[in-house]
Protein backbone atom coordinates (compact mmCIF):
# COMPACT_ATOMS: atom_id res chain seq x y z
CA MET A 1 28.99 13.74 -1.77
CA ALA A 2 26.47 15.35 -3.70
CA ASP A 3 26.94 19.06 -5.02
CA PRO A 4 24.84 21.13 -2.46
CA ARG A 5 24.15 23.60 -5.11
CA PHE A 6 21.77 21.20 -7.00
CA PHE A 7 21.16 18.47 -4.31
CA LYS A 8 19.13 19.09 -0.86
CA ARG A 9 19.83 16.66 1.53
CA ALA A 10 17.73 15.55 4.58
CA GLY A 11 18.75 13.70 7.61
CA PRO A 12 20.66 12.58 9.77
CA PHE A 13 18.67 9.47 10.48
CA SER A 14 19.27 7.13 12.93
CA LEU A 15 20.19 3.57 11.38
CA ALA A 16 16.92 2.24 12.85
CA GLU A 17 15.12 4.40 11.67
CA LEU A 18 16.52 4.31 7.99
CA ALA A 19 16.39 0.61 7.96
CA SER A 20 12.67 0.63 8.69
CA ARG A 21 12.17 2.77 5.50
CA ILE A 22 14.41 0.96 3.35
CA GLU A 23 12.83 -2.73 4.08
CA GLY A 24 16.22 -3.47 5.67
CA GLU A 25 16.61 -5.29 9.10
CA LEU A 26 19.85 -4.42 11.73
CA ALA A 27 22.27 -7.52 12.08
CA GLU A 28 22.70 -9.18 15.21
CA GLY A 29 23.59 -7.56 17.81
CA GLU A 30 23.17 -3.80 16.48
CA THR A 31 21.44 -1.18 18.23
CA GLY A 32 20.09 1.07 15.51
CA GLU A 33 21.46 4.20 17.38
CA LEU A 34 23.88 5.12 15.25
CA LYS A 35 23.48 8.46 12.97
CA VAL A 36 23.86 8.34 9.24
CA ALA A 37 24.10 11.53 7.43
CA ASP A 38 24.28 10.45 3.50
CA VAL A 39 24.88 7.74 1.43
CA ALA A 40 28.54 7.29 -0.47
CA PRO A 41 30.18 4.64 -2.61
CA LEU A 42 32.11 1.72 -0.74
CA ASP A 43 35.66 3.33 -2.01
CA ARG A 44 34.70 6.51 -1.09
CA ALA A 45 32.10 6.19 2.48
CA GLY A 46 33.37 7.19 5.33
CA THR A 47 32.73 8.34 9.03
CA GLY A 48 28.72 9.04 8.99
CA GLU A 49 27.95 7.55 5.79
CA ILE A 50 26.21 4.51 4.42
CA SER A 51 26.99 2.30 1.66
CA PHE A 52 25.49 -0.90 0.00
CA LEU A 53 27.04 -4.21 -1.50
CA ASP A 54 24.91 -5.85 -4.29
CA ASN A 55 27.13 -7.23 -7.06
CA PRO A 56 29.79 -10.01 -5.54
CA LYS A 57 32.51 -8.00 -7.83
CA TYR A 58 33.10 -5.30 -5.20
CA LEU A 59 33.56 -7.47 -2.24
CA PRO A 60 36.89 -6.53 -2.41
CA ALA A 61 36.11 -3.13 -2.16
CA PHE A 62 33.81 -3.71 0.78
CA LYS A 63 36.21 -5.66 2.38
CA GLU A 64 38.33 -2.52 2.61
CA THR A 65 35.36 0.31 2.87
CA THR A 66 35.78 2.58 5.48
CA ALA A 67 31.62 3.97 5.38
CA ALA A 68 30.04 4.02 9.17
CA ALA A 69 27.33 1.27 7.80
CA CYS A 70 26.20 -0.91 4.69
CA ILE A 71 23.70 -2.11 3.25
CA ILE A 72 24.32 -6.10 2.37
CA HIS A 73 22.72 -9.42 1.74
CA PRO A 74 22.77 -11.63 4.60
CA ARG A 75 24.88 -14.03 2.69
CA PHE A 76 27.63 -11.24 2.85
CA LYS A 77 27.83 -10.51 6.45
CA GLU A 78 30.58 -12.71 7.70
CA GLN A 79 32.64 -10.86 5.15
CA ALA A 80 32.24 -7.65 6.73
CA PRO A 81 35.05 -5.13 7.85
CA ASP A 82 35.38 -4.86 11.70
CA GLY A 83 33.64 -1.04 12.57
CA VAL A 84 31.03 -1.65 9.83
CA THR A 85 27.67 -1.33 11.17
CA LEU A 86 25.90 -3.76 8.75
CA VAL A 87 21.58 -3.37 7.40
CA LEU A 88 20.48 -6.87 6.01
CA SER A 89 18.05 -6.57 2.51
CA HIS A 90 17.67 -9.58 0.24
CA GLN A 91 17.26 -6.75 -2.09
CA PRO A 92 20.52 -4.30 -1.47
CA TYR A 93 20.26 -2.50 -4.61
CA ARG A 94 16.22 -1.51 -4.00
CA SER A 95 17.12 -0.43 -0.39
CA TYR A 96 20.03 1.72 -1.40
CA ALA A 97 17.62 3.34 -3.85
CA LEU A 98 15.04 3.85 -0.90
CA ALA A 99 18.08 5.04 1.34
CA ALA A 100 19.32 7.71 -1.16
CA GLN A 101 15.89 8.78 -1.70
CA ALA A 102 15.27 9.20 1.90
CA PHE A 103 18.47 11.56 1.72
CA TYR A 104 17.76 13.03 -1.23
CA PRO A 105 14.05 12.98 -1.89
CA GLU A 106 13.85 16.21 -3.96
CA SER A 107 15.53 14.53 -6.97
CA VAL A 108 12.97 12.06 -7.43
CA ARG A 109 10.13 14.43 -7.46
CA ALA A 110 8.88 16.90 -10.06
CA GLU A 111 11.01 20.23 -9.39
CA ASP A 112 11.58 23.62 -11.20
CA THR A 113 14.62 24.53 -13.24
CA TYR A 114 14.23 28.30 -13.20
CA GLY A 115 13.70 29.05 -9.55
CA ASP A 116 9.79 30.44 -9.12
CA ALA A 117 8.15 27.41 -7.91
CA GLY A 118 4.14 27.52 -8.18
CA GLN A 119 4.07 30.31 -10.10
CA VAL A 120 3.22 31.20 -14.51
CA ALA A 121 6.63 33.04 -15.31
CA ALA A 122 6.42 36.39 -17.07
CA GLY A 123 7.97 34.98 -20.26
CA ALA A 124 5.69 31.51 -20.10
CA HIS A 125 2.28 31.44 -22.75
CA VAL A 126 -0.63 30.12 -21.08
CA HIS A 127 -4.11 30.21 -22.92
CA PRO A 128 -7.18 31.87 -21.25
CA THR A 129 -8.90 28.67 -21.79
CA ALA A 130 -6.36 26.20 -20.56
CA ARG A 131 -6.79 25.26 -16.93
CA LEU A 132 -4.35 24.88 -14.12
CA GLY A 133 -4.57 23.13 -10.61
CA GLU A 134 -2.81 24.43 -7.34
CA ASN A 135 0.76 25.30 -7.48
CA VAL A 136 1.74 24.51 -10.63
CA THR A 137 5.05 25.93 -12.47
CA VAL A 138 5.19 27.49 -16.11
CA GLU A 139 8.83 28.44 -16.67
CA PRO A 140 9.81 31.19 -19.25
CA GLY A 141 9.18 30.31 -23.26
CA ALA A 142 6.76 27.65 -22.12
CA VAL A 143 3.35 27.13 -24.21
CA VAL A 144 0.20 25.73 -22.46
CA SER A 145 -2.44 25.92 -25.19
CA ALA A 146 -6.12 26.05 -25.63
CA GLY A 147 -8.29 23.39 -23.69
CA VAL A 148 -4.79 21.80 -22.01
CA GLU A 149 -5.78 20.84 -18.12
CA ILE A 150 -3.09 20.22 -15.84
CA GLY A 151 -2.99 18.86 -12.21
CA SER A 152 -1.63 20.60 -9.18
CA GLY A 153 1.71 20.34 -8.43
CA CYS A 154 2.91 19.99 -12.00
CA VAL A 155 6.21 21.39 -13.53
CA ILE A 156 5.59 23.25 -16.99
CA ALA A 157 9.86 23.69 -17.61
CA SER A 158 11.21 26.13 -19.78
CA ASN A 159 10.55 25.89 -23.79
CA ALA A 160 7.86 22.73 -23.76
CA VAL A 161 4.56 22.96 -25.52
CA ILE A 162 1.36 20.99 -24.16
CA ALA A 163 -0.44 21.31 -27.53
CA ARG A 164 -4.51 21.85 -27.42
CA ASN A 165 -6.67 20.05 -25.67
CA VAL A 166 -3.62 17.51 -23.64
CA THR A 167 -4.58 16.48 -20.50
CA VAL A 168 -1.85 15.76 -17.37
CA GLY A 169 -2.25 14.66 -14.12
CA ARG A 170 -0.75 15.90 -10.35
CA ASN A 171 2.58 15.80 -9.83
CA CYS A 172 4.43 15.50 -13.09
CA TYR A 173 7.37 17.17 -14.53
CA ILE A 174 7.37 18.24 -18.52
CA GLY A 175 11.03 18.95 -19.24
CA SER A 176 12.42 21.41 -21.46
CA SER A 177 11.77 21.59 -24.83
CA VAL A 178 9.42 18.64 -24.77
CA THR A 179 6.64 18.74 -27.06
CA ILE A 180 2.98 16.62 -26.36
CA SER A 181 -0.06 16.45 -28.55
CA HIS A 182 -2.88 14.27 -28.68
CA ALA A 183 -2.08 12.62 -25.50
CA HIS A 184 -3.72 12.34 -21.41
CA ILE A 185 -1.05 11.71 -19.09
CA GLY A 186 -1.53 10.11 -15.58
CA ASP A 187 0.11 10.99 -12.45
CA ARG A 188 3.67 11.37 -11.03
CA VAL A 189 4.95 11.01 -14.62
CA LEU A 190 8.30 12.32 -15.24
CA ILE A 191 9.18 13.09 -18.90
CA HIS A 192 12.56 14.38 -19.67
CA PRO A 193 13.96 17.08 -21.70
CA GLY A 194 13.68 16.60 -25.27
CA VAL A 195 10.91 13.92 -25.63
CA GLN A 196 8.36 14.39 -28.20
CA ILE A 197 4.88 12.62 -27.70
CA GLY A 198 1.88 12.46 -29.68
CA GLN A 199 3.15 13.24 -33.00
CA ASP A 200 2.02 11.21 -36.51
CA GLY A 201 2.67 7.88 -36.07
CA PHE A 202 4.73 6.69 -39.86
CA GLY A 203 1.78 5.41 -41.32
CA PHE A 204 1.44 5.22 -45.75
CA ALA A 205 -0.42 3.27 -48.16
CA MET A 206 2.38 2.79 -50.15
CA GLY A 207 2.32 2.97 -54.15
CA LEU A 208 2.33 4.71 -57.35
CA PRO A 209 1.54 7.59 -58.30
CA THR A 210 2.74 8.91 -54.72
CA HIS A 211 2.52 7.44 -50.99
CA GLU A 212 -0.92 8.54 -49.33
CA LYS A 213 -0.83 9.42 -45.98
CA ILE A 214 -3.07 7.63 -43.35
CA PRO A 215 -4.31 10.08 -41.08
CA GLN A 216 -3.21 9.05 -37.40
CA LEU A 217 -6.63 9.31 -35.41
CA GLY A 218 -5.25 8.00 -31.90
CA ARG A 219 -3.91 8.97 -28.94
CA VAL A 220 -0.84 8.52 -26.63
CA ILE A 221 -2.06 7.31 -23.43
CA ILE A 222 0.63 7.42 -20.60
CA GLN A 223 -0.46 6.22 -17.17
CA ASP A 224 0.60 6.74 -13.28
CA ASP A 225 4.36 7.10 -12.42
CA VAL A 226 5.92 6.44 -15.73
CA GLU A 227 9.13 7.80 -16.74
CA ILE A 228 10.35 8.84 -20.38
CA GLY A 229 14.03 9.49 -20.93
CA ALA A 230 15.49 12.40 -22.83
CA ASN A 231 15.08 12.73 -26.61
CA SER A 232 12.52 9.80 -26.90
CA THR A 233 9.50 9.73 -29.51
CA ILE A 234 6.29 7.97 -28.89
CA ASP A 235 3.75 8.24 -31.64
CA ARG A 236 -0.06 8.38 -31.60
CA GLY A 237 -2.24 5.83 -32.41
CA ALA A 238 -3.75 5.42 -36.12
CA GLY A 239 -7.05 4.53 -34.92
CA PRO A 240 -6.32 2.61 -31.48
CA ASP A 241 -4.40 4.26 -28.84
CA THR A 242 -0.50 4.27 -28.22
CA ILE A 243 -0.55 2.81 -24.46
CA ILE A 244 2.15 3.19 -21.74
CA GLY A 245 1.63 1.07 -18.64
CA ALA A 246 1.70 2.32 -15.53
CA GLY A 247 5.33 2.15 -13.84
CA THR A 248 7.40 1.58 -16.95
CA LYS A 249 10.80 3.07 -17.45
CA ILE A 250 12.00 4.36 -20.93
CA ASP A 251 15.67 5.19 -21.04
CA ASN A 252 17.17 7.71 -23.54
CA LEU A 253 16.41 7.62 -27.37
CA VAL A 254 13.55 5.37 -27.71
CA GLN A 255 11.31 5.23 -30.24
CA ILE A 256 7.88 3.66 -29.90
CA GLY A 257 5.75 3.58 -33.00
CA HIS A 258 2.00 3.96 -33.42
CA ASN A 259 -0.52 1.36 -31.71
CA VAL A 260 2.05 0.07 -29.54
CA THR A 261 0.49 -0.92 -26.31
CA MET A 262 3.01 -1.81 -23.48
CA GLY A 263 1.74 -3.15 -19.70
CA GLN A 264 2.89 -1.93 -16.64
CA GLY A 265 6.38 -1.95 -15.05
CA CYS A 266 8.25 -2.36 -18.13
CA ILE A 267 12.06 -1.55 -18.68
CA ILE A 268 12.91 -0.18 -22.31
CA VAL A 269 16.87 0.53 -22.41
CA ALA A 270 18.06 3.25 -24.47
CA GLN A 271 18.10 3.09 -28.36
CA CYS A 272 15.55 0.65 -28.74
CA GLY A 273 12.60 0.79 -31.56
CA LEU A 274 9.10 -0.46 -31.06
CA SER A 275 7.61 -0.71 -34.23
CA GLY A 276 3.88 -0.09 -34.91
CA SER A 277 1.22 -2.32 -33.40
CA SER A 278 3.40 -4.04 -31.48
CA SER A 279 2.24 -5.68 -27.71
CA LEU A 280 4.00 -5.68 -24.53
CA GLY A 281 2.89 -7.38 -21.76
CA ASP A 282 3.66 -6.29 -17.77
CA TYR A 283 7.20 -6.18 -16.52
CA VAL A 284 8.90 -6.99 -19.89
CA ALA A 285 12.31 -5.57 -20.15
CA PHE A 286 14.40 -4.93 -23.45
CA GLY A 287 18.22 -4.08 -23.34
CA ALA A 288 19.77 -1.44 -25.46
CA ARG A 289 19.29 -1.46 -28.64
CA ALA A 290 16.99 -4.09 -28.91
CA GLY A 291 14.71 -3.56 -31.78
CA LEU A 292 10.96 -5.25 -32.04
CA ALA A 293 9.09 -5.75 -35.76
CA GLY A 294 5.60 -4.50 -36.09
CA HIS A 295 3.07 -6.91 -35.16
CA ILE A 296 4.63 -8.95 -32.63
CA LYS A 297 3.56 -9.64 -29.18
CA ILE A 298 5.81 -10.13 -25.98
CA GLY A 299 4.66 -12.11 -23.06
CA ASP A 300 4.41 -10.76 -19.29
CA GLY A 301 8.00 -11.12 -17.93
CA VAL A 302 9.97 -11.35 -21.08
CA GLN A 303 13.91 -10.36 -20.93
CA VAL A 304 15.36 -9.42 -24.28
CA ALA A 305 19.17 -9.03 -24.59
CA ALA A 306 21.05 -5.59 -26.33
CA ARG A 307 21.18 -5.48 -29.93
CA SER A 308 18.65 -8.31 -30.08
CA SER A 309 16.06 -8.35 -33.40
CA ILE A 310 12.85 -9.69 -32.62
CA ILE A 311 10.99 -10.68 -35.77
CA HIS A 312 8.49 -13.74 -33.97
CA ASP A 313 6.46 -13.23 -30.50
CA ILE A 314 7.51 -14.45 -27.49
CA PRO A 315 5.57 -16.41 -24.63
CA ALA A 316 5.57 -15.33 -21.06
CA GLY A 317 8.41 -15.41 -19.01
CA GLU A 318 11.08 -16.34 -21.57
CA ARG A 319 14.42 -14.59 -22.23
CA TRP A 320 15.87 -13.94 -25.96
CA GLY A 321 18.55 -12.77 -27.59
CA GLY A 322 20.62 -12.37 -31.38
CA THR A 323 19.72 -11.68 -34.19
CA PRO A 324 17.19 -12.83 -35.20
CA ALA A 325 16.30 -13.18 -31.79
CA LYS A 326 15.50 -16.88 -30.27
CA PRO A 327 15.67 -18.40 -26.64
CA VAL A 328 18.80 -17.71 -24.58
CA ARG A 329 20.05 -21.13 -24.38
CA GLU A 330 19.86 -21.62 -28.14
CA TRP A 331 21.74 -18.30 -29.15
CA GLN A 332 24.38 -18.74 -26.20
CA ARG A 333 24.72 -22.56 -27.56
CA GLU A 334 25.25 -20.88 -31.37
CA LEU A 335 27.38 -18.23 -29.85
CA ALA A 336 29.55 -21.20 -28.12
CA ALA A 337 29.56 -23.20 -31.74
CA ILE A 338 31.02 -20.30 -33.79
CA LYS A 339 33.63 -19.31 -31.30
CA ARG A 340 35.27 -23.14 -31.42
CA LEU A 341 34.78 -23.06 -35.26
CA GLY A 342 37.24 -19.91 -34.99
CA LYS A 343 39.66 -21.30 -32.92
CA ALA A 344 39.88 -24.46 -34.95
CA GLY A 345 40.34 -22.69 -37.79
CA PHE A 346 39.07 -24.63 -41.66
CA LYS A 347 41.80 -27.47 -42.08
CA LYS A 348 42.60 -27.73 -45.86
CA THR A 349 41.60 -30.62 -47.66
CA SER A 350 43.58 -32.74 -50.58
CA THR A 351 41.96 -34.79 -53.47
CA GLU A 352 45.22 -35.87 -54.39
């Protein structure tokens, strides 16, 4: 159960109401009158709680669960234990996410951390020329600089710094110790603590007697519904802009170089590095610690395995992995061959 000191729970909801909200449907014969008050894992759920099954690995836990209800794919309904009301969904994990959002709506929205929502705290520093929309929260220690525009419903958490002339859309959350410069931020953007946006890209004309710094004259454009994990960095462009597409989700500790352009709905997992002037299409997914060389083009829907090193363009819809990265089937064949060699060992030959 979520700690009520940190998370406010809504509900309870009838199962019929919840099913309609989570893109599911009740199993045949269920009336939907059952009331559920919370979400919980399979092995902990009990009376009045709903759980879910998505991964077949957890079928044993599903068969033993004491949950009042469970969200499952239709193929698992014959394995349900007695007494568990079923909500059928072809995307159980997505449906569970929607259910958790229904019970805990504030957990996915911009919220103040200090406790004075909708106010500018006495310890905040807001320049007289900054423009704040309705119900904006600015917490102690935050700095909102000259010419900044912040839309309604935003939260600027403690010690965040919004540099001159930055614009922030509506209902955004700017976490503690975030710095933003040379950037325009869309609506409903969630930026976790420690993120740095808009600093110089790493651009130098290398040579003697010194490496000459190349002025970084672009911006960072972050479109609507983007989430950026803690301590990630996004450099501004050198001339073109760095662009993060709508609905993209970036994990913690990710480095995005100058002039990177990223389509909508991308997933970039922790510790990835995207070098300057690389381009990602829509719905690209990078596993943890994947690295992308500069000036590389990644097509729509590409999936890259964790810890891969990408040095070539990847056509749309392909899955690559390895170092250097290559199509997954080719990579897996190479790994299998190496494994066979390792098991066989090296046979000694004799010239005698």
